[in-house]
Amino acid sequence: MNLARARSTPDLLLDAAERLFAERGFDATSLRDVTRRAKANLASVHYHFGSKKGLIHAVIQRRLDPLNRERLRRLDLVARRGRPELQAILDAFLAPTMSVWQENPHFMRLAGRILSEPDRDLLDFFLAQFDEIVVRFRAALVRAVPDAPVEELFWRMHFVIGAMCHTWTASDGLEKISGGRCRIGDGEKALRRLVDFCTSGFRAPLNGKEGR
């Protein structure tokens, strides 16, 4: 069976859009570019997604919805063990991103574009997908690091997110500047290094005290 033909038209459009938006950016990619790559007609975009903006939103939600569900599932497991440990919380937040990097590397590049390109409406939509994540992980971090002011927790999570995004989107650069000594490989060892690094960052001295 031809697997490409077995996929639905919406999936083919989403696959094509994700790759093209990641490679060229949103403004430089037309709907005709997307339908040409997906071997679909232009009307199918409007039928399934309503507009180019609707297509962009669907591309984002297709990846972020399962990612965030997995984060919350892991966080629930951490919470069942009593007072959450900092490293376990960060692992619940970071570990699911490895699967996105492995299975959908184009989306990681796309997310980088969203965070760096000056489209405020698109950025607001993207960030809104994390509303529940922010609430749940903030509550867990407050319990795990009770001496830290909330604003400091936001700063440190901002740095965690920066390290996460750079790890999964700049792996080729790491290999090049290290002369081949550092390779991400299957991602698991890199993930463990990332979690350890971010945990240590969270535990950096705070107002003269060591974080827990």
N, C-alpha and C. Protein backbone atom coordinates (compact mmCIF):
# COMPACT_ATOMS: atom_id res chain seq x y z
N MET A 1 0.84 -1.20 0.00
CA MET A 1 0.00 0.00 0.00
C MET A 1 0.88 1.24 0.00
N ASN A 2 0.49 2.26 -0.76
CA ASN A 2 1.20 3.54 -0.77
C ASN A 2 0.82 4.29 0.50
N LEU A 3 1.79 4.45 1.42
CA LEU A 3 1.49 5.06 2.70
C LEU A 3 1.09 6.52 2.55
N ALA A 4 1.68 7.23 1.58
CA ALA A 4 1.32 8.62 1.37
C ALA A 4 -0.16 8.75 1.02
N ARG A 5 -0.66 7.80 0.17
CA ARG A 5 -2.06 7.86 -0.20
C ARG A 5 -2.98 7.46 0.95
N ALA A 6 -2.45 6.64 1.86
CA ALA A 6 -3.26 6.20 2.98
C ALA A 6 -3.51 7.32 3.98
N ARG A 7 -2.67 8.34 4.00
CA ARG A 7 -2.85 9.46 4.92
C ARG A 7 -3.97 10.35 4.43
N SER A 8 -4.66 10.96 5.38
CA SER A 8 -5.79 11.82 5.03
C SER A 8 -5.29 13.15 4.46
N THR A 9 -6.15 13.81 3.73
CA THR A 9 -5.78 15.11 3.17
C THR A 9 -5.39 16.12 4.25
N PRO A 10 -6.13 16.23 5.37
CA PRO A 10 -5.69 17.16 6.41
C PRO A 10 -4.28 16.86 6.93
N ASP A 11 -3.96 15.57 7.10
CA ASP A 11 -2.62 15.22 7.58
C ASP A 11 -1.55 15.59 6.56
N LEU A 12 -1.83 15.34 5.30
CA LEU A 12 -0.86 15.69 4.26
C LEU A 12 -0.64 17.20 4.21
N LEU A 13 -1.71 17.96 4.37
CA LEU A 13 -1.59 19.42 4.38
C LEU A 13 -0.80 19.89 5.60
N LEU A 14 -1.07 19.30 6.75
CA LEU A 14 -0.35 19.67 7.97
C LEU A 14 1.13 19.32 7.86
N ASP A 15 1.44 18.15 7.32
CA ASP A 15 2.84 17.75 7.14
C ASP A 15 3.57 18.72 6.23
N ALA A 16 2.94 19.05 5.12
CA ALA A 16 3.56 19.95 4.16
C ALA A 16 3.74 21.35 4.75
N ALA A 17 2.70 21.83 5.43
CA ALA A 17 2.77 23.17 6.01
C ALA A 17 3.84 23.24 7.10
N GLU A 18 3.91 22.23 7.94
CA GLU A 18 4.91 22.22 9.01
C GLU A 18 6.32 22.32 8.43
N ARG A 19 6.61 21.52 7.42
CA ARG A 19 7.94 21.52 6.83
C ARG A 19 8.25 22.85 6.14
N LEU A 20 7.30 23.35 5.36
CA LEU A 20 7.55 24.59 4.62
C LEU A 20 7.63 25.79 5.54
N PHE A 21 6.74 25.87 6.53
CA PHE A 21 6.80 26.99 7.47
C PHE A 21 8.13 26.98 8.22
N ALA A 22 8.62 25.79 8.56
CA ALA A 22 9.90 25.68 9.27
C ALA A 22 11.05 26.11 8.38
N GLU A 23 11.00 25.72 7.10
CA GLU A 23 12.11 26.01 6.19
C GLU A 23 12.11 27.47 5.72
N ARG A 24 10.92 28.01 5.42
CA ARG A 24 10.85 29.32 4.76
C ARG A 24 10.27 30.43 5.62
N GLY A 25 9.54 30.08 6.66
CA GLY A 25 8.82 31.08 7.43
C GLY A 25 7.38 31.18 6.95
N PHE A 26 6.55 31.85 7.72
CA PHE A 26 5.12 31.91 7.42
C PHE A 26 4.81 32.83 6.24
N ASP A 27 5.40 34.02 6.24
CA ASP A 27 5.08 34.98 5.19
C ASP A 27 5.60 34.52 3.83
N ALA A 28 6.72 33.81 3.81
CA ALA A 28 7.32 33.39 2.55
C ALA A 28 6.70 32.11 2.00
N THR A 29 5.78 31.51 2.74
CA THR A 29 5.13 30.28 2.30
C THR A 29 3.68 30.57 1.94
N SER A 30 3.32 30.32 0.71
CA SER A 30 1.94 30.54 0.29
C SER A 30 1.12 29.26 0.44
N LEU A 31 -0.18 29.41 0.40
CA LEU A 31 -1.03 28.23 0.45
C LEU A 31 -0.83 27.35 -0.78
N ARG A 32 -0.52 27.97 -1.90
CA ARG A 32 -0.23 27.17 -3.11
C ARG A 32 1.03 26.35 -2.92
N ASP A 33 2.02 26.90 -2.22
CA ASP A 33 3.22 26.11 -1.91
C ASP A 33 2.85 24.87 -1.09
N VAL A 34 1.98 25.08 -0.12
CA VAL A 34 1.57 23.98 0.75
C VAL A 34 0.81 22.92 -0.02
N THR A 35 -0.17 23.34 -0.80
CA THR A 35 -0.99 22.37 -1.53
C THR A 35 -0.17 21.66 -2.61
N ARG A 36 0.79 22.36 -3.18
CA ARG A 36 1.65 21.71 -4.17
C ARG A 36 2.47 20.61 -3.50
N ARG A 37 3.02 20.90 -2.33
CA ARG A 37 3.81 19.89 -1.61
C ARG A 37 2.92 18.72 -1.16
N ALA A 38 1.70 19.03 -0.76
CA ALA A 38 0.79 17.98 -0.26
C ALA A 38 0.06 17.26 -1.38
N LYS A 39 0.22 17.76 -2.63
CA LYS A 39 -0.51 17.20 -3.77
C LYS A 39 -2.03 17.24 -3.52
N ALA A 40 -2.45 18.41 -3.07
CA ALA A 40 -3.87 18.64 -2.79
C ALA A 40 -4.30 19.91 -3.52
N ASN A 41 -5.60 20.15 -3.60
CA ASN A 41 -6.05 21.38 -4.26
C ASN A 41 -6.23 22.50 -3.23
N LEU A 42 -6.23 23.72 -3.72
CA LEU A 42 -6.27 24.90 -2.85
C LEU A 42 -7.54 24.93 -2.00
N ALA A 43 -8.63 24.48 -2.58
CA ALA A 43 -9.90 24.51 -1.85
C ALA A 43 -9.86 23.63 -0.60
N SER A 44 -9.00 22.61 -0.60
CA SER A 44 -8.95 21.70 0.55
C SER A 44 -8.46 22.41 1.81
N VAL A 45 -7.58 23.40 1.66
CA VAL A 45 -7.12 24.15 2.82
C VAL A 45 -8.28 24.90 3.46
N HIS A 46 -9.04 25.58 2.62
CA HIS A 46 -10.18 26.34 3.13
C HIS A 46 -11.26 25.41 3.70
N TYR A 47 -11.42 24.25 3.09
CA TYR A 47 -12.43 23.31 3.57
C TYR A 47 -12.07 22.77 4.95
N HIS A 48 -10.80 22.40 5.14
CA HIS A 48 -10.41 21.75 6.39
C HIS A 48 -9.97 22.74 7.47
N PHE A 49 -9.40 23.88 7.07
CA PHE A 49 -8.83 24.79 8.07
C PHE A 49 -9.36 26.21 8.02
N GLY A 50 -10.10 26.54 7.01
CA GLY A 50 -10.73 27.86 6.93
C GLY A 50 -9.87 28.94 6.31
N SER A 51 -8.58 28.97 6.64
CA SER A 51 -7.69 30.03 6.17
C SER A 51 -6.25 29.63 6.43
N LYS A 52 -5.33 30.46 5.98
CA LYS A 52 -3.92 30.20 6.27
C LYS A 52 -3.67 30.26 7.77
N LYS A 53 -4.28 31.22 8.44
CA LYS A 53 -4.11 31.32 9.89
C LYS A 53 -4.65 30.07 10.58
N GLY A 54 -5.79 29.58 10.11
CA GLY A 54 -6.34 28.35 10.69
C GLY A 54 -5.41 27.17 10.49
N LEU A 55 -4.76 27.12 9.33
CA LEU A 55 -3.80 26.05 9.05
C LEU A 55 -2.60 26.16 9.99
N ILE A 56 -2.09 27.36 10.19
CA ILE A 56 -0.96 27.56 11.10
C ILE A 56 -1.32 27.13 12.51
N HIS A 57 -2.51 27.52 12.95
CA HIS A 57 -2.94 27.15 14.30
C HIS A 57 -3.05 25.63 14.44
N ALA A 58 -3.56 24.98 13.40
CA ALA A 58 -3.71 23.52 13.45
C ALA A 58 -2.35 22.83 13.49
N VAL A 59 -1.38 23.37 12.76
CA VAL A 59 -0.01 22.82 12.79
C VAL A 59 0.54 22.89 14.22
N ILE A 60 0.33 24.00 14.87
CA ILE A 60 0.83 24.19 16.24
C ILE A 60 0.14 23.24 17.21
N GLN A 61 -1.19 23.20 17.15
CA GLN A 61 -1.94 22.39 18.11
C GLN A 61 -1.69 20.89 17.93
N ARG A 62 -1.45 20.48 16.70
CA ARG A 62 -1.22 19.06 16.46
C ARG A 62 -0.02 18.54 17.25
N ARG A 63 0.99 19.36 17.42
CA ARG A 63 2.18 18.92 18.16
C ARG A 63 2.12 19.28 19.65
N LEU A 64 1.59 20.45 19.97
CA LEU A 64 1.63 20.89 21.36
C LEU A 64 0.60 20.19 22.24
N ASP A 65 -0.54 19.83 21.69
CA ASP A 65 -1.56 19.17 22.52
C ASP A 65 -1.04 17.86 23.12
N PRO A 66 -0.51 16.93 22.32
CA PRO A 66 0.02 15.70 22.92
C PRO A 66 1.26 15.95 23.79
N LEU A 67 2.08 16.91 23.41
CA LEU A 67 3.26 17.23 24.22
C LEU A 67 2.84 17.66 25.62
N ASN A 68 1.87 18.57 25.69
CA ASN A 68 1.45 19.08 26.99
C ASN A 68 0.67 18.05 27.79
N ARG A 69 -0.09 17.20 27.12
CA ARG A 69 -0.77 16.12 27.85
C ARG A 69 0.25 15.20 28.52
N GLU A 70 1.33 14.90 27.81
CA GLU A 70 2.36 14.03 28.38
C GLU A 70 3.07 14.72 29.54
N ARG A 71 3.32 16.00 29.42
CA ARG A 71 3.92 16.74 30.53
C ARG A 71 3.04 16.65 31.79
N LEU A 72 1.75 16.88 31.61
CA LEU A 72 0.83 16.85 32.75
C LEU A 72 0.70 15.43 33.32
N ARG A 73 0.72 14.43 32.46
CA ARG A 73 0.66 13.05 32.94
C ARG A 73 1.87 12.76 33.82
N ARG A 74 3.03 13.17 33.38
CA ARG A 74 4.25 12.94 34.16
C ARG A 74 4.22 13.74 35.46
N LEU A 75 3.71 14.96 35.39
CA LEU A 75 3.65 15.78 36.59
C LEU A 75 2.69 15.17 37.62
N ASP A 76 1.59 14.60 37.15
CA ASP A 76 0.66 13.91 38.06
C ASP A 76 1.35 12.75 38.76
N LEU A 77 2.18 12.01 38.04
CA LEU A 77 2.91 10.90 38.65
C LEU A 77 3.87 11.40 39.72
N VAL A 78 4.51 12.53 39.45
CA VAL A 78 5.42 13.12 40.43
C VAL A 78 4.64 13.54 41.68
N ALA A 79 3.48 14.15 41.49
CA ALA A 79 2.68 14.64 42.61
C ALA A 79 2.20 13.51 43.51
N ARG A 80 1.96 12.35 42.95
CA ARG A 80 1.49 11.21 43.75
C ARG A 80 2.53 10.72 44.74
N ARG A 81 3.77 11.09 44.53
CA ARG A 81 4.83 10.64 45.43
C ARG A 81 5.01 11.56 46.63
N GLY A 82 4.11 12.52 46.78
CA GLY A 82 4.22 13.47 47.89
C GLY A 82 4.77 14.79 47.42
N ARG A 83 5.50 15.47 48.29
CA ARG A 83 6.08 16.75 47.91
C ARG A 83 7.01 16.56 46.72
N PRO A 84 6.76 17.27 45.64
CA PRO A 84 7.54 17.02 44.43
C PRO A 84 8.99 17.46 44.57
N GLU A 85 9.88 16.67 44.00
CA GLU A 85 11.28 17.03 43.96
C GLU A 85 11.55 17.85 42.71
N LEU A 86 12.45 18.82 42.85
CA LEU A 86 12.73 19.74 41.76
C LEU A 86 13.15 19.01 40.49
N GLN A 87 14.08 18.07 40.60
CA GLN A 87 14.58 17.38 39.42
C GLN A 87 13.47 16.60 38.72
N ALA A 88 12.57 16.01 39.49
CA ALA A 88 11.47 15.25 38.89
C ALA A 88 10.50 16.17 38.15
N ILE A 89 10.29 17.37 38.68
CA ILE A 89 9.42 18.34 38.01
C ILE A 89 10.04 18.76 36.67
N LEU A 90 11.30 19.08 36.70
CA LEU A 90 11.97 19.51 35.47
C LEU A 90 12.05 18.37 34.45
N ASP A 91 12.22 17.15 34.94
CA ASP A 91 12.22 16.01 34.03
C ASP A 91 10.84 15.86 33.37
N ALA A 92 9.77 16.06 34.13
CA ALA A 92 8.42 15.96 33.57
C ALA A 92 8.20 17.03 32.51
N PHE A 93 8.81 18.18 32.69
CA PHE A 93 8.66 19.27 31.72
C PHE A 93 9.51 19.05 30.48
N LEU A 94 10.73 18.57 30.67
CA LEU A 94 11.70 18.50 29.57
C LEU A 94 11.65 17.19 28.79
N ALA A 95 11.46 16.07 29.47
CA ALA A 95 11.58 14.77 28.80
C ALA A 95 10.66 14.62 27.59
N PRO A 96 9.39 15.05 27.65
CA PRO A 96 8.53 14.86 26.47
C PRO A 96 9.01 15.62 25.22
N THR A 97 9.82 16.64 25.41
CA THR A 97 10.29 17.39 24.24
C THR A 97 11.28 16.58 23.41
N MET A 98 11.92 15.59 24.03
CA MET A 98 12.85 14.76 23.27
C MET A 98 12.12 14.00 22.17
N SER A 99 10.91 13.52 22.47
CA SER A 99 10.14 12.79 21.46
C SER A 99 9.77 13.69 20.30
N VAL A 100 9.45 14.94 20.60
CA VAL A 100 9.14 15.89 19.52
C VAL A 100 10.36 16.08 18.64
N TRP A 101 11.53 16.24 19.27
CA TRP A 101 12.77 16.41 18.51
C TRP A 101 13.06 15.18 17.65
N GLN A 102 12.83 14.00 18.19
CA GLN A 102 13.12 12.77 17.45
C GLN A 102 12.15 12.54 16.30
N GLU A 103 10.88 12.78 16.55
CA GLU A 103 9.84 12.40 15.59
C GLU A 103 9.43 13.55 14.66
N ASN A 104 9.56 14.77 15.12
CA ASN A 104 9.10 15.92 14.34
C ASN A 104 10.10 17.08 14.41
N PRO A 105 11.31 16.87 13.91
CA PRO A 105 12.33 17.91 14.03
C PRO A 105 11.94 19.22 13.34
N HIS A 106 11.11 19.13 12.30
CA HIS A 106 10.70 20.37 11.63
C HIS A 106 9.89 21.25 12.56
N PHE A 107 9.12 20.63 13.44
CA PHE A 107 8.32 21.45 14.35
C PHE A 107 9.20 22.19 15.34
N MET A 108 10.31 21.60 15.75
CA MET A 108 11.21 22.30 16.66
C MET A 108 11.76 23.56 16.00
N ARG A 109 12.10 23.46 14.72
CA ARG A 109 12.56 24.65 14.00
C ARG A 109 11.44 25.66 13.87
N LEU A 110 10.24 25.16 13.64
CA LEU A 110 9.08 26.04 13.51
C LEU A 110 8.82 26.79 14.81
N ALA A 111 8.90 26.10 15.93
CA ALA A 111 8.69 26.74 17.22
C ALA A 111 9.73 27.85 17.44
N GLY A 112 10.96 27.60 17.02
CA GLY A 112 11.99 28.62 17.12
C GLY A 112 11.64 29.86 16.31
N ARG A 113 11.08 29.65 15.14
CA ARG A 113 10.64 30.78 14.31
C ARG A 113 9.55 31.59 15.00
N ILE A 114 8.60 30.89 15.58
CA ILE A 114 7.48 31.58 16.24
C ILE A 114 8.00 32.46 17.37
N LEU A 115 8.97 31.95 18.12
CA LEU A 115 9.49 32.70 19.26
C LEU A 115 10.38 33.85 18.84
N SER A 116 10.92 33.82 17.63
CA SER A 116 11.87 34.85 17.21
C SER A 116 11.31 35.83 16.18
N GLU A 117 10.28 35.45 15.45
CA GLU A 117 9.74 36.34 14.43
C GLU A 117 8.71 37.30 15.03
N PRO A 118 8.65 38.52 14.50
CA PRO A 118 7.80 39.56 15.11
C PRO A 118 6.33 39.49 14.70
N ASP A 119 5.68 38.37 14.97
CA ASP A 119 4.25 38.24 14.72
C ASP A 119 3.58 38.06 16.07
N ARG A 120 3.09 39.17 16.63
CA ARG A 120 2.57 39.15 18.00
C ARG A 120 1.35 38.26 18.13
N ASP A 121 0.45 38.30 17.15
CA ASP A 121 -0.76 37.47 17.24
C ASP A 121 -0.41 35.99 17.26
N LEU A 122 0.53 35.59 16.41
CA LEU A 122 0.92 34.19 16.36
C LEU A 122 1.63 33.78 17.65
N LEU A 123 2.49 34.66 18.16
CA LEU A 123 3.18 34.36 19.42
C LEU A 123 2.17 34.22 20.56
N ASP A 124 1.18 35.11 20.60
CA ASP A 124 0.16 35.03 21.65
C ASP A 124 -0.60 33.71 21.57
N PHE A 125 -0.93 33.28 20.35
CA PHE A 125 -1.63 32.01 20.18
C PHE A 125 -0.76 30.86 20.65
N PHE A 126 0.50 30.89 20.27
CA PHE A 126 1.45 29.83 20.65
C PHE A 126 1.57 29.74 22.17
N LEU A 127 1.77 30.87 22.81
CA LEU A 127 1.95 30.88 24.26
C LEU A 127 0.69 30.47 25.00
N ALA A 128 -0.48 30.77 24.41
CA ALA A 128 -1.74 30.41 25.06
C ALA A 128 -1.90 28.89 25.18
N GLN A 129 -1.20 28.14 24.35
CA GLN A 129 -1.29 26.68 24.43
C GLN A 129 -0.66 26.15 25.71
N PHE A 130 0.10 27.00 26.41
CA PHE A 130 0.79 26.57 27.62
C PHE A 130 0.14 27.09 28.90
N ASP A 131 -1.07 27.64 28.79
CA ASP A 131 -1.71 28.24 29.97
C ASP A 131 -1.81 27.25 31.13
N GLU A 132 -2.32 26.05 30.87
CA GLU A 132 -2.46 25.07 31.94
C GLU A 132 -1.09 24.59 32.42
N ILE A 133 -0.15 24.46 31.50
CA ILE A 133 1.21 24.05 31.87
C ILE A 133 1.80 25.05 32.86
N VAL A 134 1.64 26.34 32.58
CA VAL A 134 2.19 27.38 33.46
C VAL A 134 1.59 27.26 34.85
N VAL A 135 0.28 27.12 34.93
CA VAL A 135 -0.40 27.05 36.23
C VAL A 135 0.05 25.84 37.02
N ARG A 136 0.05 24.66 36.37
CA ARG A 136 0.35 23.42 37.08
C ARG A 136 1.82 23.33 37.48
N PHE A 137 2.72 23.69 36.59
CA PHE A 137 4.14 23.58 36.91
C PHE A 137 4.56 24.67 37.90
N ARG A 138 3.96 25.83 37.81
CA ARG A 138 4.27 26.87 38.80
C ARG A 138 3.89 26.40 40.20
N ALA A 139 2.72 25.80 40.33
CA ALA A 139 2.29 25.30 41.64
C ALA A 139 3.25 24.24 42.17
N ALA A 140 3.70 23.35 41.28
CA ALA A 140 4.64 22.30 41.70
C ALA A 140 5.98 22.91 42.11
N LEU A 141 6.44 23.91 41.37
CA LEU A 141 7.72 24.53 41.68
C LEU A 141 7.66 25.32 42.99
N VAL A 142 6.53 25.95 43.25
CA VAL A 142 6.36 26.66 44.52
C VAL A 142 6.50 25.70 45.69
N ARG A 143 5.96 24.50 45.54
CA ARG A 143 6.08 23.49 46.60
C ARG A 143 7.51 22.96 46.72
N ALA A 144 8.17 22.80 45.57
CA ALA A 144 9.51 22.22 45.58
C ALA A 144 10.58 23.23 46.00
N VAL A 145 10.37 24.51 45.69
CA VAL A 145 11.34 25.56 46.02
C VAL A 145 10.60 26.66 46.78
N PRO A 146 10.15 26.40 48.00
CA PRO A 146 9.27 27.33 48.70
C PRO A 146 9.91 28.66 49.07
N ASP A 147 11.24 28.71 49.12
CA ASP A 147 11.91 29.95 49.51
C ASP A 147 12.08 30.92 48.34
N ALA A 148 11.81 30.49 47.14
CA ALA A 148 12.04 31.33 45.97
C ALA A 148 10.81 32.20 45.69
N PRO A 149 10.99 33.49 45.47
CA PRO A 149 9.87 34.34 45.05
C PRO A 149 9.32 33.85 43.71
N VAL A 150 8.03 34.04 43.49
CA VAL A 150 7.42 33.56 42.26
C VAL A 150 8.09 34.16 41.03
N GLU A 151 8.45 35.44 41.10
CA GLU A 151 9.09 36.05 39.93
C GLU A 151 10.42 35.39 39.62
N GLU A 152 11.13 34.91 40.66
CA GLU A 152 12.39 34.20 40.42
C GLU A 152 12.14 32.85 39.76
N LEU A 153 11.05 32.20 40.12
CA LEU A 153 10.71 30.94 39.47
C LEU A 153 10.45 31.15 37.98
N PHE A 154 9.77 32.24 37.65
CA PHE A 154 9.53 32.54 36.23
C PHE A 154 10.84 32.79 35.49
N TRP A 155 11.75 33.54 36.12
CA TRP A 155 13.04 33.78 35.49
C TRP A 155 13.77 32.47 35.22
N ARG A 156 13.77 31.62 36.20
CA ARG A 156 14.53 30.38 36.06
C ARG A 156 13.89 29.42 35.07
N MET A 157 12.55 29.40 35.01
CA MET A 157 11.90 28.59 33.99
C MET A 157 12.16 29.17 32.60
N HIS A 158 12.25 30.49 32.52
CA HIS A 158 12.60 31.13 31.23
C HIS A 158 13.96 30.64 30.75
N PHE A 159 14.91 30.54 31.66
CA PHE A 159 16.24 30.05 31.30
C PHE A 159 16.20 28.57 30.95
N VAL A 160 15.38 27.79 31.66
CA VAL A 160 15.22 26.37 31.35
C VAL A 160 14.69 26.19 29.93
N ILE A 161 13.67 26.98 29.58
CA ILE A 161 13.08 26.88 28.24
C ILE A 161 14.10 27.26 27.17
N GLY A 162 14.92 28.28 27.47
CA GLY A 162 15.96 28.67 26.53
C GLY A 162 16.96 27.54 26.30
N ALA A 163 17.39 26.90 27.39
CA ALA A 163 18.33 25.78 27.26
C ALA A 163 17.69 24.63 26.50
N MET A 164 16.43 24.36 26.76
CA MET A 164 15.71 23.28 26.08
C MET A 164 15.64 23.54 24.57
N CYS A 165 15.20 24.74 24.20
CA CYS A 165 15.05 25.04 22.77
C CYS A 165 16.39 24.98 22.06
N HIS A 166 17.42 25.52 22.68
CA HIS A 166 18.74 25.52 22.04
C HIS A 166 19.28 24.10 21.90
N THR A 167 19.05 23.27 22.89
CA THR A 167 19.54 21.89 22.83
C THR A 167 18.98 21.15 21.63
N TRP A 168 17.68 21.26 21.41
CA TRP A 168 17.04 20.46 20.35
C TRP A 168 17.12 21.11 18.98
N THR A 169 17.44 22.40 18.90
CA THR A 169 17.48 23.04 17.58
C THR A 169 18.89 23.33 17.10
N ALA A 170 19.89 23.20 17.95
CA ALA A 170 21.26 23.56 17.56
C ALA A 170 22.23 22.39 17.72
N SER A 171 21.72 21.18 17.54
CA SER A 171 22.58 20.01 17.74
C SER A 171 23.71 19.94 16.72
N ASP A 172 23.46 20.38 15.49
CA ASP A 172 24.52 20.36 14.48
C ASP A 172 25.65 21.32 14.87
N GLY A 173 25.28 22.46 15.41
CA GLY A 173 26.29 23.42 15.84
C GLY A 173 27.15 22.88 16.96
N LEU A 174 26.55 22.15 17.88
CA LEU A 174 27.30 21.55 18.98
C LEU A 174 28.35 20.59 18.45
N GLU A 175 27.94 19.74 17.52
CA GLU A 175 28.88 18.77 16.97
C GLU A 175 30.03 19.46 16.25
N LYS A 176 29.71 20.53 15.55
CA LYS A 176 30.75 21.23 14.78
C LYS A 176 31.75 21.92 15.68
N ILE A 177 31.26 22.71 16.67
CA ILE A 177 32.20 23.48 17.49
C ILE A 177 32.99 22.58 18.44
N SER A 178 32.47 21.39 18.73
CA SER A 178 33.21 20.46 19.61
C SER A 178 34.13 19.55 18.83
N GLY A 179 34.19 19.74 17.50
CA GLY A 179 35.04 18.89 16.68
C GLY A 179 34.57 17.46 16.65
N GLY A 180 33.27 17.25 16.82
CA GLY A 180 32.72 15.91 16.78
C GLY A 180 32.73 15.17 18.10
N ARG A 181 33.27 15.81 19.15
CA ARG A 181 33.34 15.13 20.45
C ARG A 181 31.97 15.06 21.13
N CYS A 182 31.11 15.99 20.79
CA CYS A 182 29.78 16.04 21.41
C CYS A 182 28.71 15.83 20.35
N ARG A 183 27.96 14.75 20.49
CA ARG A 183 26.87 14.44 19.57
C ARG A 183 25.62 14.11 20.39
N ILE A 184 24.50 14.59 19.94
CA ILE A 184 23.27 14.31 20.67
C ILE A 184 22.85 12.85 20.51
N GLY A 185 23.12 12.25 19.38
CA GLY A 185 22.79 10.84 19.19
C GLY A 185 21.31 10.57 19.31
N ASP A 186 20.94 9.61 20.15
CA ASP A 186 19.53 9.25 20.27
C ASP A 186 18.77 10.20 21.18
N GLY A 187 19.46 11.12 21.82
CA GLY A 187 18.81 12.15 22.62
C GLY A 187 18.75 11.86 24.11
N GLU A 188 18.79 10.60 24.52
CA GLU A 188 18.59 10.26 25.93
C GLU A 188 19.71 10.83 26.82
N LYS A 189 20.97 10.66 26.40
CA LYS A 189 22.06 11.20 27.21
C LYS A 189 22.03 12.72 27.24
N ALA A 190 21.68 13.32 26.12
CA ALA A 190 21.56 14.78 26.08
C ALA A 190 20.45 15.25 27.01
N LEU A 191 19.35 14.51 27.03
CA LEU A 191 18.24 14.86 27.91
C LEU A 191 18.67 14.82 29.37
N ARG A 192 19.39 13.77 29.75
CA ARG A 192 19.84 13.65 31.14
C ARG A 192 20.78 14.81 31.49
N ARG A 193 21.66 15.18 30.58
CA ARG A 193 22.54 16.32 30.83
C ARG A 193 21.72 17.61 30.97
N LEU A 194 20.73 17.76 30.11
CA LEU A 194 19.88 18.95 30.14
C LEU A 194 19.13 19.06 31.47
N VAL A 195 18.53 17.95 31.91
CA VAL A 195 17.80 17.96 33.18
C VAL A 195 18.74 18.27 34.34
N ASP A 196 19.91 17.66 34.35
CA ASP A 196 20.88 17.92 35.43
C ASP A 196 21.31 19.38 35.43
N PHE A 197 21.59 19.92 34.24
CA PHE A 197 22.03 21.31 34.12
C PHE A 197 20.95 22.27 34.63
N CYS A 198 19.71 22.04 34.20
CA CYS A 198 18.62 22.93 34.59
C CYS A 198 18.32 22.81 36.08
N THR A 199 18.43 21.61 36.62
CA THR A 199 18.21 21.43 38.06
C THR A 199 19.25 22.20 38.85
N SER A 200 20.50 22.12 38.42
CA SER A 200 21.57 22.86 39.10
C SER A 200 21.34 24.36 39.01
N GLY A 201 20.86 24.81 37.85
CA GLY A 201 20.56 26.22 37.71
C GLY A 201 19.48 26.69 38.66
N PHE A 202 18.46 25.87 38.83
CA PHE A 202 17.39 26.20 39.75
C PHE A 202 17.89 26.25 41.20
N ARG A 203 18.91 25.46 41.49
CA ARG A 203 19.43 25.38 42.85
C ARG A 203 20.53 26.40 43.12
N ALA A 204 20.78 27.27 42.16
CA ALA A 204 21.81 28.30 42.35
C ALA A 204 21.44 29.18 43.55
N PRO A 205 22.43 29.78 44.19
CA PRO A 205 22.14 30.61 45.37
C PRO A 205 21.06 31.65 45.09
N LEU A 206 20.19 31.79 46.07
CA LEU A 206 19.06 32.71 45.96
C LEU A 206 19.04 33.57 47.21
N ASN A 207 19.36 34.87 47.03
CA ASN A 207 19.42 35.76 48.18
C ASN A 207 20.35 35.24 49.27
N GLY A 208 21.47 34.67 48.81
CA GLY A 208 22.45 34.17 49.75
C GLY A 208 22.18 32.79 50.27
N LYS A 209 21.07 32.14 49.77
CA LYS A 209 20.73 30.80 50.23
C LYS A 209 20.78 29.83 49.08
N GLU A 210 21.12 28.62 49.35
CA GLU A 210 21.15 27.57 48.33
C GLU A 210 19.72 27.08 48.07
N GLY A 211 19.34 27.02 46.77
CA GLY A 211 18.00 26.49 46.47
C GLY A 211 17.92 25.03 46.80
N ARG A 212 16.70 24.55 47.07
CA ARG A 212 16.52 23.15 47.46
C ARG A 212 16.47 22.25 46.24
